[in-house]
Amino acid sequence: MEIRNVRIEIIPADDGVLDIRCFELPSASCYRRWKMLLGEAMDLAKWWLSEGRDARRRSLPIRSLRSGNVLVSMATLETIDVRGLDAQGRQKLNGCSLPKEVVQFLSTRLTEHRQEQAAPPS
């Protein structure tokens, strides 16, 4: 999918990990890359659909807002910082800083996937 001259790809890897790639230009061969657990990506998508896309109406910065098993922060409208939480609710060492377009695309793609899985077989 392309959003504002950006090409984004989500490639499922093994063990429930998503490989997220963002190409600055649709024809580019170089990209920025993040890996995220599927469960954390689903929690991020849920946050985006319920609150994140309306961030313009909220006062920034948004600091360490919990959504499922992730902490979400936003210092600007263009970048979302995400950190996973362990089973005890503590922040994991690694996190990622994602462009808004990547989070928007990820949310759309995961919502479509969930709906396809919930649809009865024809």
PDB file of N, CA and C in Angstrom:
ATOM      1  N   MET A   1       0.852  -1.184   0.000  1.00  0.00           N
ATOM      2  CA  MET A   1       0.000   0.000   0.000  1.00  0.00           C
ATOM      3  C   MET A   1       0.887   1.232   0.000  1.00  0.00           C
ATOM      4  N   GLU A   2       0.412   2.284  -0.682  1.00  0.00           N
ATOM      5  CA  GLU A   2       1.158   3.528  -0.717  1.00  0.00           C
ATOM      6  C   GLU A   2       0.342   4.640  -0.064  1.00  0.00           C
ATOM      7  N   ILE A   3       0.963   5.356   0.851  1.00  0.00           N
ATOM      8  CA  ILE A   3       0.348   6.492   1.521  1.00  0.00           C
ATOM      9  C   ILE A   3       1.312   7.653   1.383  1.00  0.00           C
ATOM     10  N   ARG A   4       0.872   8.756   0.789  1.00  0.00           N
ATOM     11  CA  ARG A   4       1.724   9.937   0.628  1.00  0.00           C
ATOM     12  C   ARG A   4       3.098   9.599   0.063  1.00  0.00           C
ATOM     13  N   ASN A   5       3.126   8.939  -1.069  1.00  0.00           N
ATOM     14  CA  ASN A   5       4.376   8.578  -1.737  1.00  0.00           C
ATOM     15  C   ASN A   5       5.286   7.704  -0.885  1.00  0.00           C
ATOM     16  N   VAL A   6       4.724   6.939   0.004  1.00  0.00           N
ATOM     17  CA  VAL A   6       5.474   6.003   0.826  1.00  0.00           C
ATOM     18  C   VAL A   6       4.919   4.616   0.537  1.00  0.00           C
ATOM     19  N   ARG A   7       5.799   3.642   0.375  1.00  0.00           N
ATOM     20  CA  ARG A   7       5.352   2.258   0.179  1.00  0.00           C
ATOM     21  C   ARG A   7       5.632   1.489   1.471  1.00  0.00           C
ATOM     22  N   ILE A   8       4.620   0.788   1.960  1.00  0.00           N
ATOM     23  CA  ILE A   8       4.741   0.049   3.213  1.00  0.00           C
ATOM     24  C   ILE A   8       4.420  -1.415   2.946  1.00  0.00           C
ATOM     25  N   GLU A   9       5.259  -2.280   3.485  1.00  0.00           N
ATOM     26  CA  GLU A   9       5.034  -3.715   3.361  1.00  0.00           C
ATOM     27  C   GLU A   9       5.061  -4.335   4.753  1.00  0.00           C
ATOM     28  N   ILE A  10       4.176  -5.300   4.965  1.00  0.00           N
ATOM     29  CA  ILE A  10       4.174  -6.065   6.212  1.00  0.00           C
ATOM     30  C   ILE A  10       4.345  -7.523   5.824  1.00  0.00           C
ATOM     31  N   ILE A  11       5.420  -8.118   6.323  1.00  0.00           N
ATOM     32  CA  ILE A  11       5.737  -9.492   5.975  1.00  0.00           C
ATOM     33  C   ILE A  11       5.713 -10.329   7.256  1.00  0.00           C
ATOM     34  N   PRO A  12       4.793 -11.299   7.327  1.00  0.00           N
ATOM     35  CA  PRO A  12       4.776 -12.160   8.507  1.00  0.00           C
ATOM     36  C   PRO A  12       6.045 -13.012   8.537  1.00  0.00           C
ATOM     37  N   ALA A  13       6.723 -13.008   9.663  1.00  0.00           N
ATOM     38  CA  ALA A  13       7.897 -13.854   9.853  1.00  0.00           C
ATOM     39  C   ALA A  13       7.506 -15.002  10.770  1.00  0.00           C
ATOM     40  N   ASP A  14       8.458 -15.813  11.133  1.00  0.00           N
ATOM     41  CA  ASP A  14       8.152 -16.935  12.012  1.00  0.00           C
ATOM     42  C   ASP A  14       7.912 -16.476  13.445  1.00  0.00           C
ATOM     43  N   ASP A  15       7.320 -17.331  14.222  1.00  0.00           N
ATOM     44  CA  ASP A  15       7.089 -17.089  15.651  1.00  0.00           C
ATOM     45  C   ASP A  15       6.236 -15.859  15.951  1.00  0.00           C
ATOM     46  N   GLY A  16       5.265 -15.533  15.103  1.00  0.00           N
ATOM     47  CA  GLY A  16       4.358 -14.427  15.385  1.00  0.00           C
ATOM     48  C   GLY A  16       4.988 -13.054  15.338  1.00  0.00           C
ATOM     49  N   VAL A  17       6.021 -12.883  14.532  1.00  0.00           N
ATOM     50  CA  VAL A  17       6.700 -11.599  14.384  1.00  0.00           C
ATOM     51  C   VAL A  17       6.364 -11.014  13.016  1.00  0.00           C
ATOM     52  N   LEU A  18       6.117  -9.715  12.987  1.00  0.00           N
ATOM     53  CA  LEU A  18       5.877  -9.013  11.729  1.00  0.00           C
ATOM     54  C   LEU A  18       7.119  -8.227  11.358  1.00  0.00           C
ATOM     55  N   ASP A  19       7.499  -8.309  10.098  1.00  0.00           N
ATOM     56  CA  ASP A  19       8.589  -7.515   9.550  1.00  0.00           C
ATOM     57  C   ASP A  19       7.932  -6.357   8.810  1.00  0.00           C
ATOM     58  N   ILE A  20       8.100  -5.148   9.314  1.00  0.00           N
ATOM     59  CA  ILE A  20       7.439  -3.962   8.753  1.00  0.00           C
ATOM     60  C   ILE A  20       8.491  -3.143   8.009  1.00  0.00           C
ATOM     61  N   ARG A  21       8.217  -2.853   6.748  1.00  0.00           N
ATOM     62  CA  ARG A  21       9.164  -2.117   5.920  1.00  0.00           C
ATOM     63  C   ARG A  21       8.506  -0.867   5.361  1.00  0.00           C
ATOM     64  N   CYS A  22       9.238   0.237   5.400  1.00  0.00           N
ATOM     65  CA  CYS A  22       8.736   1.517   4.897  1.00  0.00           C
ATOM     66  C   CYS A  22       9.735   2.069   3.890  1.00  0.00           C
ATOM     67  N   PHE A  23       9.316   2.168   2.640  1.00  0.00           N
ATOM     68  CA  PHE A  23      10.118   2.717   1.561  1.00  0.00           C
ATOM     69  C   PHE A  23       9.744   4.189   1.406  1.00  0.00           C
ATOM     70  N   GLU A  24      10.719   5.072   1.470  1.00  0.00           N
ATOM     71  CA  GLU A  24      10.445   6.516   1.397  1.00  0.00           C
ATOM     72  C   GLU A  24       9.828   6.920   0.057  1.00  0.00           C
ATOM     73  N   LEU A  25      10.173   6.204  -0.995  1.00  0.00           N
ATOM     74  CA  LEU A  25       9.592   6.426  -2.317  1.00  0.00           C
ATOM     75  C   LEU A  25       9.050   5.094  -2.823  1.00  0.00           C
ATOM     76  N   PRO A  26       7.941   5.100  -3.545  1.00  0.00           N
ATOM     77  CA  PRO A  26       7.367   3.838  -4.019  1.00  0.00           C
ATOM     78  C   PRO A  26       8.340   2.995  -4.849  1.00  0.00           C
ATOM     79  N   SER A  27       9.247   3.633  -5.569  1.00  0.00           N
ATOM     80  CA  SER A  27      10.170   2.885  -6.419  1.00  0.00           C
ATOM     81  C   SER A  27      11.507   2.601  -5.741  1.00  0.00           C
ATOM     82  N   ALA A  28      11.677   2.995  -4.507  1.00  0.00           N
ATOM     83  CA  ALA A  28      12.955   2.841  -3.802  1.00  0.00           C
ATOM     84  C   ALA A  28      13.236   1.375  -3.478  1.00  0.00           C
ATOM     85  N   SER A  29      14.513   1.042  -3.413  1.00  0.00           N
ATOM     86  CA  SER A  29      14.900  -0.307  -3.005  1.00  0.00           C
ATOM     87  C   SER A  29      15.392  -0.318  -1.549  1.00  0.00           C
ATOM     88  N   CYS A  30      15.733   0.840  -0.994  1.00  0.00           N
ATOM     89  CA  CYS A  30      16.147   0.955   0.406  1.00  0.00           C
ATOM     90  C   CYS A  30      14.924   1.260   1.266  1.00  0.00           C
ATOM     91  N   TYR A  31      14.948   0.757   2.480  1.00  0.00           N
ATOM     92  CA  TYR A  31      13.792   0.950   3.355  1.00  0.00           C
ATOM     93  C   TYR A  31      14.212   0.996   4.814  1.00  0.00           C
ATOM     94  N   ARG A  32      13.305   1.553   5.639  1.00  0.00           N
ATOM     95  CA  ARG A  32      13.447   1.469   7.088  1.00  0.00           C
ATOM     96  C   ARG A  32      12.676   0.229   7.519  1.00  0.00           C
ATOM     97  N   ARG A  33      13.152  -0.416   8.585  1.00  0.00           N
ATOM     98  CA  ARG A  33      12.574  -1.701   8.947  1.00  0.00           C
ATOM     99  C   ARG A  33      12.405  -1.812  10.458  1.00  0.00           C
ATOM    100  N   TRP A  34      11.288  -2.414  10.853  1.00  0.00           N
ATOM    101  CA  TRP A  34      11.011  -2.694  12.252  1.00  0.00           C
ATOM    102  C   TRP A  34      10.485  -4.116  12.364  1.00  0.00           C
ATOM    103  N   LYS A  35      10.732  -4.754  13.485  1.00  0.00           N
ATOM    104  CA  LYS A  35      10.134  -6.060  13.787  1.00  0.00           C
ATOM    105  C   LYS A  35       9.267  -5.881  15.023  1.00  0.00           C
ATOM    106  N   MET A  36       8.082  -6.473  14.970  1.00  0.00           N
ATOM    107  CA  MET A  36       7.147  -6.309  16.075  1.00  0.00           C
ATOM    108  C   MET A  36       6.349  -7.602  16.236  1.00  0.00           C
ATOM    109  N   LEU A  37       6.145  -7.993  17.483  1.00  0.00           N
ATOM    110  CA  LEU A  37       5.301  -9.156  17.741  1.00  0.00           C
ATOM    111  C   LEU A  37       3.877  -8.875  17.277  1.00  0.00           C
ATOM    112  N   LEU A  38       3.223  -9.885  16.744  1.00  0.00           N
ATOM    113  CA  LEU A  38       1.863  -9.719  16.230  1.00  0.00           C
ATOM    114  C   LEU A  38       0.918  -9.202  17.310  1.00  0.00           C
ATOM    115  N   GLY A  39       1.004  -9.731  18.524  1.00  0.00           N
ATOM    116  CA  GLY A  39       0.127  -9.278  19.617  1.00  0.00           C
ATOM    117  C   GLY A  39       0.330  -7.813  19.939  1.00  0.00           C
ATOM    118  N   GLU A  40       1.577  -7.366  19.931  1.00  0.00           N
ATOM    119  CA  GLU A  40       1.863  -5.953  20.189  1.00  0.00           C
ATOM    120  C   GLU A  40       1.355  -5.089  19.041  1.00  0.00           C
ATOM    121  N   ALA A  41       1.498  -5.584  17.812  1.00  0.00           N
ATOM    122  CA  ALA A  41       0.986  -4.847  16.654  1.00  0.00           C
ATOM    123  C   ALA A  41      -0.541  -4.725  16.728  1.00  0.00           C
ATOM    124  N   MET A  42      -1.206  -5.787  17.182  1.00  0.00           N
ATOM    125  CA  MET A  42      -2.670  -5.740  17.322  1.00  0.00           C
ATOM    126  C   MET A  42      -3.076  -4.724  18.388  1.00  0.00           C
ATOM    127  N   ASP A  43      -2.329  -4.672  19.503  1.00  0.00           N
ATOM    128  CA  ASP A  43      -2.630  -3.695  20.555  1.00  0.00           C
ATOM    129  C   ASP A  43      -2.390  -2.270  20.059  1.00  0.00           C
ATOM    130  N   LEU A  44      -1.333  -2.067  19.276  1.00  0.00           N
ATOM    131  CA  LEU A  44      -1.072  -0.752  18.688  1.00  0.00           C
ATOM    132  C   LEU A  44      -2.189  -0.366  17.724  1.00  0.00           C
ATOM    133  N   ALA A  45      -2.627  -1.304  16.897  1.00  0.00           N
ATOM    134  CA  ALA A  45      -3.719  -1.038  15.950  1.00  0.00           C
ATOM    135  C   ALA A  45      -5.005  -0.682  16.687  1.00  0.00           C
ATOM    136  N   LYS A  46      -5.279  -1.402  17.763  1.00  0.00           N
ATOM    137  CA  LYS A  46      -6.475  -1.113  18.567  1.00  0.00           C
ATOM    138  C   LYS A  46      -6.416   0.311  19.129  1.00  0.00           C
ATOM    139  N   TRP A  47      -5.236   0.707  19.644  1.00  0.00           N
ATOM    140  CA  TRP A  47      -5.069   2.071  20.156  1.00  0.00           C
ATOM    141  C   TRP A  47      -5.274   3.093  19.039  1.00  0.00           C
ATOM    142  N   TRP A  48      -4.695   2.845  17.877  1.00  0.00           N
ATOM    143  CA  TRP A  48      -4.797   3.792  16.775  1.00  0.00           C
ATOM    144  C   TRP A  48      -6.254   3.995  16.378  1.00  0.00           C
ATOM    145  N   LEU A  49      -6.994   2.906  16.264  1.00  0.00           N
ATOM    146  CA  LEU A  49      -8.387   3.007  15.829  1.00  0.00           C
ATOM    147  C   LEU A  49      -9.281   3.644  16.886  1.00  0.00           C
ATOM    148  N   SER A  50      -8.959   3.448  18.167  1.00  0.00           N
ATOM    149  CA  SER A  50      -9.819   4.008  19.210  1.00  0.00           C
ATOM    150  C   SER A  50      -9.428   5.428  19.610  1.00  0.00           C
ATOM    151  N   GLU A  51      -8.120   5.743  19.621  1.00  0.00           N
ATOM    152  CA  GLU A  51      -7.684   7.048  20.124  1.00  0.00           C
ATOM    153  C   GLU A  51      -6.653   7.755  19.257  1.00  0.00           C
ATOM    154  N   GLY A  52      -5.749   6.995  18.693  1.00  0.00           N
ATOM    155  CA  GLY A  52      -4.586   7.576  18.022  1.00  0.00           C
ATOM    156  C   GLY A  52      -4.889   8.470  16.851  1.00  0.00           C
ATOM    157  N   ARG A  53      -5.807   8.044  15.997  1.00  0.00           N
ATOM    158  CA  ARG A  53      -6.075   8.865  14.812  1.00  0.00           C
ATOM    159  C   ARG A  53      -6.758  10.184  15.152  1.00  0.00           C
ATOM    160  N   ASP A  54      -7.263  10.306  16.375  1.00  0.00           N
ATOM    161  CA  ASP A  54      -7.853  11.564  16.826  1.00  0.00           C
ATOM    162  C   ASP A  54      -6.873  12.374  17.675  1.00  0.00           C
ATOM    163  N   ALA A  55      -5.592  12.102  17.540  1.00  0.00           N
ATOM    164  CA  ALA A  55      -4.574  12.765  18.373  1.00  0.00           C
ATOM    165  C   ALA A  55      -4.557  14.277  18.174  1.00  0.00           C
ATOM    166  N   ARG A  56      -4.996  14.766  17.028  1.00  0.00           N
ATOM    167  CA  ARG A  56      -5.022  16.214  16.794  1.00  0.00           C
ATOM    168  C   ARG A  56      -5.925  16.926  17.807  1.00  0.00           C
ATOM    169  N   ARG A  57      -6.913  16.224  18.297  1.00  0.00           N
ATOM    170  CA  ARG A  57      -7.846  16.825  19.262  1.00  0.00           C
ATOM    171  C   ARG A  57      -7.319  16.772  20.687  1.00  0.00           C
ATOM    172  N   ARG A  58      -6.280  16.016  20.915  1.00  0.00           N
ATOM    173  CA  ARG A  58      -5.717  15.876  22.255  1.00  0.00           C
ATOM    174  C   ARG A  58      -4.492  16.752  22.381  1.00  0.00           C
ATOM    175  N   SER A  59      -4.137  17.054  23.589  1.00  0.00           N
ATOM    176  CA  SER A  59      -2.920  17.833  23.788  1.00  0.00           C
ATOM    177  C   SER A  59      -1.714  16.898  23.789  1.00  0.00           C
ATOM    178  N   LEU A  60      -0.701  17.307  23.086  1.00  0.00           N
ATOM    179  CA  LEU A  60       0.542  16.548  23.042  1.00  0.00           C
ATOM    180  C   LEU A  60       1.499  17.130  24.060  1.00  0.00           C
ATOM    181  N   PRO A  61       2.408  16.420  24.563  1.00  0.00           N
ATOM    182  CA  PRO A  61       2.707  15.034  24.235  1.00  0.00           C
ATOM    183  C   PRO A  61       1.804  14.033  24.965  1.00  0.00           C
ATOM    184  N   ILE A  62       1.668  12.873  24.350  1.00  0.00           N
ATOM    185  CA  ILE A  62       1.019  11.735  24.989  1.00  0.00           C
ATOM    186  C   ILE A  62       2.157  10.876  25.522  1.00  0.00           C
ATOM    187  N   ARG A  63       2.160  10.621  26.798  1.00  0.00           N
ATOM    188  CA  ARG A  63       3.276   9.887  27.408  1.00  0.00           C
ATOM    189  C   ARG A  63       2.814   8.570  28.020  1.00  0.00           C
ATOM    190  N   SER A  64       3.438   7.508  27.569  1.00  0.00           N
ATOM    191  CA  SER A  64       3.271   6.177  28.170  1.00  0.00           C
ATOM    192  C   SER A  64       1.818   5.798  28.433  1.00  0.00           C
ATOM    193  N   LEU A  65       1.008   5.889  27.417  1.00  0.00           N
ATOM    194  CA  LEU A  65      -0.391   5.472  27.497  1.00  0.00           C
ATOM    195  C   LEU A  65      -0.456   3.980  27.203  1.00  0.00           C
ATOM    196  N   ARG A  66      -1.004   3.222  28.126  1.00  0.00           N
ATOM    197  CA  ARG A  66      -1.038   1.766  27.961  1.00  0.00           C
ATOM    198  C   ARG A  66      -2.222   1.342  27.104  1.00  0.00           C
ATOM    199  N   SER A  67      -1.943   0.450  26.156  1.00  0.00           N
ATOM    200  CA  SER A  67      -2.975  -0.162  25.332  1.00  0.00           C
ATOM    201  C   SER A  67      -2.627  -1.641  25.221  1.00  0.00           C
ATOM    202  N   GLY A  68      -3.313  -2.458  25.971  1.00  0.00           N
ATOM    203  CA  GLY A  68      -2.989  -3.886  25.979  1.00  0.00           C
ATOM    204  C   GLY A  68      -1.589  -4.108  26.513  1.00  0.00           C
ATOM    205  N   ASN A  69      -0.734  -4.695  25.693  1.00  0.00           N
ATOM    206  CA  ASN A  69       0.634  -4.993  26.099  1.00  0.00           C
ATOM    207  C   ASN A  69       1.661  -4.066  25.480  1.00  0.00           C
ATOM    208  N   VAL A  70       1.261  -2.837  25.177  1.00  0.00           N
ATOM    209  CA  VAL A  70       2.202  -1.840  24.670  1.00  0.00           C
ATOM    210  C   VAL A  70       1.998  -0.511  25.387  1.00  0.00           C
ATOM    211  N   LEU A  71       3.079   0.254  25.452  1.00  0.00           N
ATOM    212  CA  LEU A  71       3.015   1.646  25.900  1.00  0.00           C
ATOM    213  C   LEU A  71       3.197   2.509  24.664  1.00  0.00           C
ATOM    214  N   VAL A  72       2.307   3.473  24.499  1.00  0.00           N
ATOM    215  CA  VAL A  72       2.341   4.344  23.328  1.00  0.00           C
ATOM    216  C   VAL A  72       2.628   5.760  23.788  1.00  0.00           C
ATOM    217  N   SER A  73       3.545   6.420  23.089  1.00  0.00           N
ATOM    218  CA  SER A  73       3.853   7.830  23.348  1.00  0.00           C
ATOM    219  C   SER A  73       3.868   8.574  22.033  1.00  0.00           C
ATOM    220  N   MET A  74       3.480   9.833  22.074  1.00  0.00           N
ATOM    221  CA  MET A  74       3.494  10.691  20.890  1.00  0.00           C
ATOM    222  C   MET A  74       3.965  12.076  21.301  1.00  0.00           C
ATOM    223  N   ALA A  75       5.112  12.485  20.796  1.00  0.00           N
ATOM    224  CA  ALA A  75       5.596  13.837  21.055  1.00  0.00           C
ATOM    225  C   ALA A  75       5.174  14.771  19.926  1.00  0.00           C
ATOM    226  N   THR A  76       5.007  14.214  18.724  1.00  0.00           N
ATOM    227  CA  THR A  76       4.540  14.983  17.568  1.00  0.00           C
ATOM    228  C   THR A  76       3.413  14.202  16.895  1.00  0.00           C
ATOM    229  N   LEU A  77       2.721  14.834  15.985  1.00  0.00           N
ATOM    230  CA  LEU A  77       1.635  14.163  15.268  1.00  0.00           C
ATOM    231  C   LEU A  77       2.150  13.195  14.214  1.00  0.00           C
ATOM    232  N   GLU A  78       3.436  13.223  13.922  1.00  0.00           N
ATOM    233  CA  GLU A  78       3.985  12.426  12.831  1.00  0.00           C
ATOM    234  C   GLU A  78       4.652  11.130  13.261  1.00  0.00           C
ATOM    235  N   THR A  79       4.951  10.970  14.556  1.00  0.00           N
ATOM    236  CA  THR A  79       5.703   9.805  15.017  1.00  0.00           C
ATOM    237  C   THR A  79       5.074   9.212  16.273  1.00  0.00           C
ATOM    238  N   ILE A  80       4.971   7.887  16.294  1.00  0.00           N
ATOM    239  CA  ILE A  80       4.431   7.171  17.441  1.00  0.00           C
ATOM    240  C   ILE A  80       5.524   6.264  17.998  1.00  0.00           C
ATOM    241  N   ASP A  81       5.821   6.409  19.275  1.00  0.00           N
ATOM    242  CA  ASP A  81       6.806   5.568  19.950  1.00  0.00           C
ATOM    243  C   ASP A  81       6.071   4.436  20.651  1.00  0.00           C
ATOM    244  N   VAL A  82       6.566   3.214  20.464  1.00  0.00           N
ATOM    245  CA  VAL A  82       5.895   2.030  20.990  1.00  0.00           C
ATOM    246  C   VAL A  82       6.905   1.164  21.734  1.00  0.00           C
ATOM    247  N   ARG A  83       6.525   0.735  22.929  1.00  0.00           N
ATOM    248  CA  ARG A  83       7.346  -0.207  23.704  1.00  0.00           C
ATOM    249  C   ARG A  83       6.442  -1.321  24.205  1.00  0.00           C
ATOM    250  N   GLY A  84       6.903  -2.530  24.002  1.00  0.00           N
ATOM    251  CA  GLY A  84       6.164  -3.687  24.487  1.00  0.00           C
ATOM    252  C   GLY A  84       6.311  -3.826  25.991  1.00  0.00           C
ATOM    253  N   LEU A  85       5.383  -4.556  26.587  1.00  0.00           N
ATOM    254  CA  LEU A  85       5.416  -4.838  28.026  1.00  0.00           C
ATOM    255  C   LEU A  85       5.558  -6.338  28.230  1.00  0.00           C
ATOM    256  N   ASP A  86       6.309  -6.719  29.267  1.00  0.00           N
ATOM    257  CA  ASP A  86       6.445  -8.142  29.564  1.00  0.00           C
ATOM    258  C   ASP A  86       5.230  -8.617  30.362  1.00  0.00           C
ATOM    259  N   ALA A  87       5.253  -9.883  30.767  1.00  0.00           N
ATOM    260  CA  ALA A  87       4.110 -10.477  31.464  1.00  0.00           C
ATOM    261  C   ALA A  87       3.795  -9.787  32.792  1.00  0.00           C
ATOM    262  N   GLN A  88       4.789  -9.141  33.402  1.00  0.00           N
ATOM    263  CA  GLN A  88       4.575  -8.426  34.661  1.00  0.00           C
ATOM    264  C   GLN A  88       4.217  -6.955  34.442  1.00  0.00           C
ATOM    265  N   GLY A  89       4.093  -6.535  33.188  1.00  0.00           N
ATOM    266  CA  GLY A  89       3.724  -5.156  32.891  1.00  0.00           C
ATOM    267  C   GLY A  89       4.894  -4.192  32.858  1.00  0.00           C
ATOM    268  N   ARG A  90       6.118  -4.717  32.871  1.00  0.00           N
ATOM    269  CA  ARG A  90       7.309  -3.858  32.801  1.00  0.00           C
ATOM    270  C   ARG A  90       7.690  -3.637  31.350  1.00  0.00           C
ATOM    271  N   GLN A  91       8.266  -2.471  31.082  1.00  0.00           N
ATOM    272  CA  GLN A  91       8.680  -2.147  29.722  1.00  0.00           C
ATOM    273  C   GLN A  91       9.805  -3.057  29.266  1.00  0.00           C
ATOM    274  N   LYS A  92       9.702  -3.518  28.029  1.00  0.00           N
ATOM    275  CA  LYS A  92      10.784  -4.281  27.429  1.00  0.00           C
ATOM    276  C   LYS A  92      11.905  -3.321  27.051  1.00  0.00           C
ATOM    277  N   LEU A  93      13.076  -3.868  26.872  1.00  0.00           N
ATOM    278  CA  LEU A  93      14.243  -3.055  26.565  1.00  0.00           C
ATOM    279  C   LEU A  93      14.108  -2.348  25.219  1.00  0.00           C
ATOM    280  N   ASN A  94      13.652  -3.066  24.215  1.00  0.00           N
ATOM    281  CA  ASN A  94      13.560  -2.495  22.868  1.00  0.00           C
ATOM    282  C   ASN A  94      12.165  -1.961  22.581  1.00  0.00           C
ATOM    283  N   GLY A  95      12.132  -0.915  21.788  1.00  0.00           N
ATOM    284  CA  GLY A  95      10.885  -0.344  21.312  1.00  0.00           C
ATOM    285  C   GLY A  95      11.114   0.155  19.903  1.00  0.00           C
ATOM    286  N   CYS A  96      10.153   0.847  19.364  1.00  0.00           N
ATOM    287  CA  CYS A  96      10.346   1.412  18.026  1.00  0.00           C
ATOM    288  C   CYS A  96       9.610   2.743  17.916  1.00  0.00           C
ATOM    289  N   SER A  97      10.105   3.541  17.019  1.00  0.00           N
ATOM    290  CA  SER A  97       9.520   4.840  16.724  1.00  0.00           C
ATOM    291  C   SER A  97       9.012   4.771  15.285  1.00  0.00           C
ATOM    292  N   LEU A  98       7.699   4.740  15.140  1.00  0.00           N
ATOM    293  CA  LEU A  98       7.086   4.512  13.827  1.00  0.00           C
ATOM    294  C   LEU A  98       6.459   5.777  13.260  1.00  0.00           C
ATOM    295  N   PRO A  99       6.644   6.013  11.958  1.00  0.00           N
ATOM    296  CA  PRO A  99       5.910   7.112  11.326  1.00  0.00           C
ATOM    297  C   PRO A  99       4.405   6.853  11.402  1.00  0.00           C
ATOM    298  N   LYS A 100       3.645   7.905  11.481  1.00  0.00           N
ATOM    299  CA  LYS A 100       2.188   7.799  11.575  1.00  0.00           C
ATOM    300  C   LYS A 100       1.621   6.961  10.429  1.00  0.00           C
ATOM    301  N   GLU A 101       2.162   7.116   9.225  1.00  0.00           N
ATOM    302  CA  GLU A 101       1.664   6.376   8.066  1.00  0.00           C
ATOM    303  C   GLU A 101       1.818   4.875   8.240  1.00  0.00           C
ATOM    304  N   VAL A 102       2.886   4.452   8.895  1.00  0.00           N
ATOM    305  CA  VAL A 102       3.105   3.033   9.134  1.00  0.00           C
ATOM    306  C   VAL A 102       2.065   2.494  10.117  1.00  0.00           C
ATOM    307  N   VAL A 103       1.800   3.237  11.176  1.00  0.00           N
ATOM    308  CA  VAL A 103       0.798   2.808  12.169  1.00  0.00           C
ATOM    309  C   VAL A 103      -0.588   2.772  11.528  1.00  0.00           C
ATOM    310  N   GLN A 104      -0.895   3.763  10.737  1.00  0.00           N
ATOM    311  CA  GLN A 104      -2.185   3.813  10.049  1.00  0.00           C
ATOM    312  C   GLN A 104      -2.344   2.602   9.123  1.00  0.00           C
ATOM    313  N   PHE A 105      -1.314   2.301   8.342  1.00  0.00           N
ATOM    314  CA  PHE A 105      -1.363   1.157   7.426  1.00  0.00           C
ATOM    315  C   PHE A 105      -1.462  -0.154   8.193  1.00  0.00           C
ATOM    316  N   LEU A 106      -0.658  -0.294   9.234  1.00  0.00           N
ATOM    317  CA  LEU A 106      -0.670  -1.493  10.057  1.00  0.00           C
ATOM    318  C   LEU A 106      -2.059  -1.729  10.645  1.00  0.00           C
ATOM    319  N   SER A 107      -2.686  -0.682  11.138  1.00  0.00           N
ATOM    320  CA  SER A 107      -4.032  -0.793  11.720  1.00  0.00           C
ATOM    321  C   SER A 107      -5.048  -1.242  10.680  1.00  0.00           C
ATOM    322  N   THR A 108      -4.984  -0.659   9.508  1.00  0.00           N
ATOM    323  CA  THR A 108      -5.911  -1.020   8.431  1.00  0.00           C
ATOM    324  C   THR A 108      -5.714  -2.475   8.021  1.00  0.00           C
ATOM    325  N   ARG A 109      -4.461  -2.863   7.830  1.00  0.00           N
ATOM    326  CA  ARG A 109      -4.158  -4.223   7.386  1.00  0.00           C
ATOM    327  C   ARG A 109      -4.567  -5.263   8.427  1.00  0.00           C
ATOM    328  N   LEU A 110      -4.283  -5.021   9.688  1.00  0.00           N
ATOM    329  CA  LEU A 110      -4.630  -5.985  10.736  1.00  0.00           C
ATOM    330  C   LEU A 110      -6.138  -6.073  10.939  1.00  0.00           C
ATOM    331  N   THR A 111      -6.844  -4.955  10.801  1.00  0.00           N
ATOM    332  CA  THR A 111      -8.305  -4.968  10.907  1.00  0.00           C
ATOM    333  C   THR A 111      -8.906  -5.789   9.770  1.00  0.00           C
ATOM    334  N   GLU A 112      -8.403  -5.604   8.550  1.00  0.00           N
ATOM    335  CA  GLU A 112      -8.886  -6.388   7.407  1.00  0.00           C
ATOM    336  C   GLU A 112      -8.621  -7.869   7.628  1.00  0.00           C
ATOM    337  N   HIS A 113      -7.434  -8.197   8.123  1.00  0.00           N
ATOM    338  CA  HIS A 113      -7.066  -9.593   8.368  1.00  0.00           C
ATOM    339  C   HIS A 113      -7.988 -10.217   9.414  1.00  0.00           C
ATOM    340  N   ARG A 114      -8.272  -9.492  10.473  1.00  0.00           N
ATOM    341  CA  ARG A 114      -9.159  -9.983  11.532  1.00  0.00           C
ATOM    342  C   ARG A 114     -10.564 -10.228  10.983  1.00  0.00           C
ATOM    343  N   GLN A 115     -11.063  -9.328  10.135  1.00  0.00           N
ATOM    344  CA  GLN A 115     -12.386  -9.485   9.556  1.00  0.00           C
ATOM    345  C   GLN A 115     -12.442 -10.686   8.615  1.00  0.00           C
ATOM    346  N   GLU A 116     -11.368 -10.917   7.844  1.00  0.00           N
ATOM    347  CA  GLU A 116     -11.316 -12.061   6.949  1.00  0.00           C
ATOM    348  C   GLU A 116     -11.356 -13.361   7.743  1.00  0.00           C
ATOM    349  N   GLN A 117     -10.662 -13.398   8.874  1.00  0.00           N
ATOM    350  CA  GLN A 117     -10.613 -14.603   9.700  1.00  0.00           C
ATOM    351  C   GLN A 117     -11.956 -14.869  10.385  1.00  0.00           C
ATOM    352  N   ALA A 118     -12.694 -13.787  10.695  1.00  0.00           N
ATOM    353  CA  ALA A 118     -13.972 -13.928  11.384  1.00  0.00           C
ATOM    354  C   ALA A 118     -15.115 -14.281  10.427  1.00  0.00           C
ATOM    355  N   ALA A 119     -14.915 -14.030   9.127  1.00  0.00           N
ATOM    356  CA  ALA A 119     -15.980 -14.301   8.158  1.00  0.00           C
ATOM    357  C   ALA A 119     -16.187 -15.808   8.014  1.00  0.00           C
ATOM    358  N   PRO A 120     -17.475 -16.242   7.948  1.00  0.00           N
ATOM    359  CA  PRO A 120     -17.739 -17.662   7.782  1.00  0.00           C
ATOM    360  C   PRO A 120     -17.265 -18.139   6.405  1.00  0.00           C
ATOM    361  N   PRO A 121     -16.772 -19.359   6.316  1.00  0.00           N
ATOM    362  CA  PRO A 121     -16.306 -19.868   5.018  1.00  0.00           C
ATOM    363  C   PRO A 121     -17.473 -19.986   4.042  1.00  0.00           C
ATOM    364  N   SER A 122     -17.176 -19.680   2.792  1.00  0.00           N
ATOM    365  CA  SER A 122     -18.257 -19.757   1.792  1.00  0.00           C
ATOM    366  C   SER A 122     -18.168 -20.996   0.957  1.00  0.00           C
TER     367      SER A 122
END
